[in-house]
């Protein structure tokens, strides 16, 4: 099965992969650190911070699906393409 995710680099240079978990919600994986993210709460807080940084708006709601979040990230990224 093919998996699709979105690679994101924060302003401080940390890199993460966001992809869908088995329930359809966004899951975050640290790519630039030897220390994995600890627990769901840390992942959600970081996802919310990325969302605000990329879209300029607050996270839509606590149960936003990966489809909604990734789509919003893509719309924000498209504005920066040449």
C-alpha atoms as a PDB file:
ATOM      1  CA  UNK A   1       0.000   0.000   0.000  1.00  0.00           C
ATOM      2  CA  UNK A   2       1.270   3.459  -0.910  1.00  0.00           C
ATOM      3  CA  UNK A   3       1.466   6.012   1.893  1.00  0.00           C
ATOM      4  CA  UNK A   4       1.385   9.757   1.364  1.00  0.00           C
ATOM      5  CA  UNK A   5       2.471  12.439   3.791  1.00  0.00           C
ATOM      6  CA  UNK A   6       3.609  16.032   3.886  1.00  0.00           C
ATOM      7  CA  UNK A   7       7.133  17.060   4.842  1.00  0.00           C
ATOM      8  CA  UNK A   8       7.271  20.294   6.861  1.00  0.00           C
ATOM      9  CA  UNK A   9      10.226  22.313   8.095  1.00  0.00           C
ATOM     10  CA  UNK A  10       9.655  24.720  10.969  1.00  0.00           C
ATOM     11  CA  UNK A  11      11.153  28.198  11.206  1.00  0.00           C
ATOM     12  CA  UNK A  12      13.873  26.840  13.522  1.00  0.00           C
ATOM     13  CA  UNK A  13      14.898  24.179  10.968  1.00  0.00           C
ATOM     14  CA  UNK A  14      13.252  21.126  12.527  1.00  0.00           C
ATOM     15  CA  UNK A  15      11.703  18.747   9.996  1.00  0.00           C
ATOM     16  CA  UNK A  16       8.556  16.670  10.433  1.00  0.00           C
ATOM     17  CA  UNK A  17       6.393  14.322   8.423  1.00  0.00           C
ATOM     18  CA  UNK A  18       2.622  14.632   8.745  1.00  0.00           C
ATOM     19  CA  UNK A  19       0.512  11.714   7.590  1.00  0.00           C
ATOM     20  CA  UNK A  20      -2.814  10.071   8.337  1.00  0.00           C
ATOM     21  CA  UNK A  21      -3.082   7.660  11.264  1.00  0.00           C
ATOM     22  CA  UNK A  22      -5.296   4.562  11.207  1.00  0.00           C
ATOM     23  CA  UNK A  23      -8.309   6.638  12.326  1.00  0.00           C
ATOM     24  CA  UNK A  24      -7.932   9.358   9.678  1.00  0.00           C
ATOM     25  CA  UNK A  25      -6.389  12.018  11.907  1.00  0.00           C
ATOM     26  CA  UNK A  26      -3.044  13.784  11.383  1.00  0.00           C
ATOM     27  CA  UNK A  27       0.009  12.089  12.901  1.00  0.00           C
ATOM     28  CA  UNK A  28       3.357  13.847  13.232  1.00  0.00           C
ATOM     29  CA  UNK A  29       6.825  12.255  13.072  1.00  0.00           C
ATOM     30  CA  UNK A  30      10.117  14.009  13.840  1.00  0.00           C
ATOM     31  CA  UNK A  31      12.597  13.657  10.943  1.00  0.00           C
ATOM     32  CA  UNK A  32      15.367  15.989  12.073  1.00  0.00           C
ATOM     33  CA  UNK A  33      15.776  14.825  15.647  1.00  0.00           C
ATOM     34  CA  UNK A  34      16.985  11.689  17.337  1.00  0.00           C
ATOM     35  CA  UNK A  35      14.251  12.211  19.932  1.00  0.00           C
ATOM     36  CA  UNK A  36      10.809  11.015  18.766  1.00  0.00           C
ATOM     37  CA  UNK A  37       7.768  13.057  19.686  1.00  0.00           C
ATOM     38  CA  UNK A  38       6.305  11.906  22.980  1.00  0.00           C
ATOM     39  CA  UNK A  39       2.612  11.135  22.993  1.00  0.00           C
ATOM     40  CA  UNK A  40      -0.497  12.423  21.333  1.00  0.00           C
ATOM     41  CA  UNK A  41      -0.635  15.687  23.291  1.00  0.00           C
ATOM     42  CA  UNK A  42       2.837  16.801  22.126  1.00  0.00           C
ATOM     43  CA  UNK A  43       2.000  15.880  18.533  1.00  0.00           C
ATOM     44  CA  UNK A  44      -1.308  17.795  18.635  1.00  0.00           C
ATOM     45  CA  UNK A  45       0.285  20.907  20.124  1.00  0.00           C
ATOM     46  CA  UNK A  46       3.019  20.899  17.482  1.00  0.00           C
ATOM     47  CA  UNK A  47       0.444  20.317  14.720  1.00  0.00           C
ATOM     48  CA  UNK A  48      -1.531  23.318  15.977  1.00  0.00           C
ATOM     49  CA  UNK A  49       1.622  25.477  16.014  1.00  0.00           C
ATOM     50  CA  UNK A  50       2.484  24.426  12.431  1.00  0.00           C
ATOM     51  CA  UNK A  51      -1.072  25.103  11.340  1.00  0.00           C
ATOM     52  CA  UNK A  52      -0.996  28.646  12.731  1.00  0.00           C
ATOM     53  CA  UNK A  53       2.480  29.263  11.267  1.00  0.00           C
ATOM     54  CA  UNK A  54       1.538  28.029   7.789  1.00  0.00           C
ATOM     55  CA  UNK A  55      -2.046  29.249   7.439  1.00  0.00           C
ATOM     56  CA  UNK A  56      -2.062  32.305   9.706  1.00  0.00           C
ATOM     57  CA  UNK A  57      -5.254  31.077  11.380  1.00  0.00           C
ATOM     58  CA  UNK A  58      -6.097  28.993  14.423  1.00  0.00           C
ATOM     59  CA  UNK A  59      -6.435  25.208  14.146  1.00  0.00           C
ATOM     60  CA  UNK A  60      -9.962  24.522  12.802  1.00  0.00           C
ATOM     61  CA  UNK A  61     -11.176  22.289  15.667  1.00  0.00           C
ATOM     62  CA  UNK A  62      -9.767  19.544  17.927  1.00  0.00           C
ATOM     63  CA  UNK A  63     -11.108  16.682  15.784  1.00  0.00           C
ATOM     64  CA  UNK A  64      -9.989  17.994  12.382  1.00  0.00           C
ATOM     65  CA  UNK A  65      -9.163  15.122  10.029  1.00  0.00           C
ATOM     66  CA  UNK A  66      -5.848  14.682   8.253  1.00  0.00           C
ATOM     67  CA  UNK A  67      -7.584  15.412   4.942  1.00  0.00           C
ATOM     68  CA  UNK A  68      -8.709  18.843   6.151  1.00  0.00           C
ATOM     69  CA  UNK A  69      -5.371  19.734   7.762  1.00  0.00           C
ATOM     70  CA  UNK A  70      -3.213  18.555   4.858  1.00  0.00           C
ATOM     71  CA  UNK A  71      -5.467  20.326   2.355  1.00  0.00           C
ATOM     72  CA  UNK A  72      -5.147  23.584   4.298  1.00  0.00           C
ATOM     73  CA  UNK A  73      -1.347  23.120   4.392  1.00  0.00           C
ATOM     74  CA  UNK A  74      -1.258  22.545   0.630  1.00  0.00           C
ATOM     75  CA  UNK A  75      -3.354  25.656  -0.036  1.00  0.00           C
ATOM     76  CA  UNK A  76      -0.969  27.705   2.101  1.00  0.00           C
ATOM     77  CA  UNK A  77       2.106  26.212   0.367  1.00  0.00           C
ATOM     78  CA  UNK A  78       0.732  26.863  -3.146  1.00  0.00           C
ATOM     79  CA  UNK A  79       0.826  30.601  -2.454  1.00  0.00           C
ATOM     80  CA  UNK A  80       4.637  30.374  -2.148  1.00  0.00           C
ATOM     81  CA  UNK A  81       5.232  28.544  -5.432  1.00  0.00           C
ATOM     82  CA  UNK A  82       6.717  30.520  -8.336  1.00  0.00           C
END
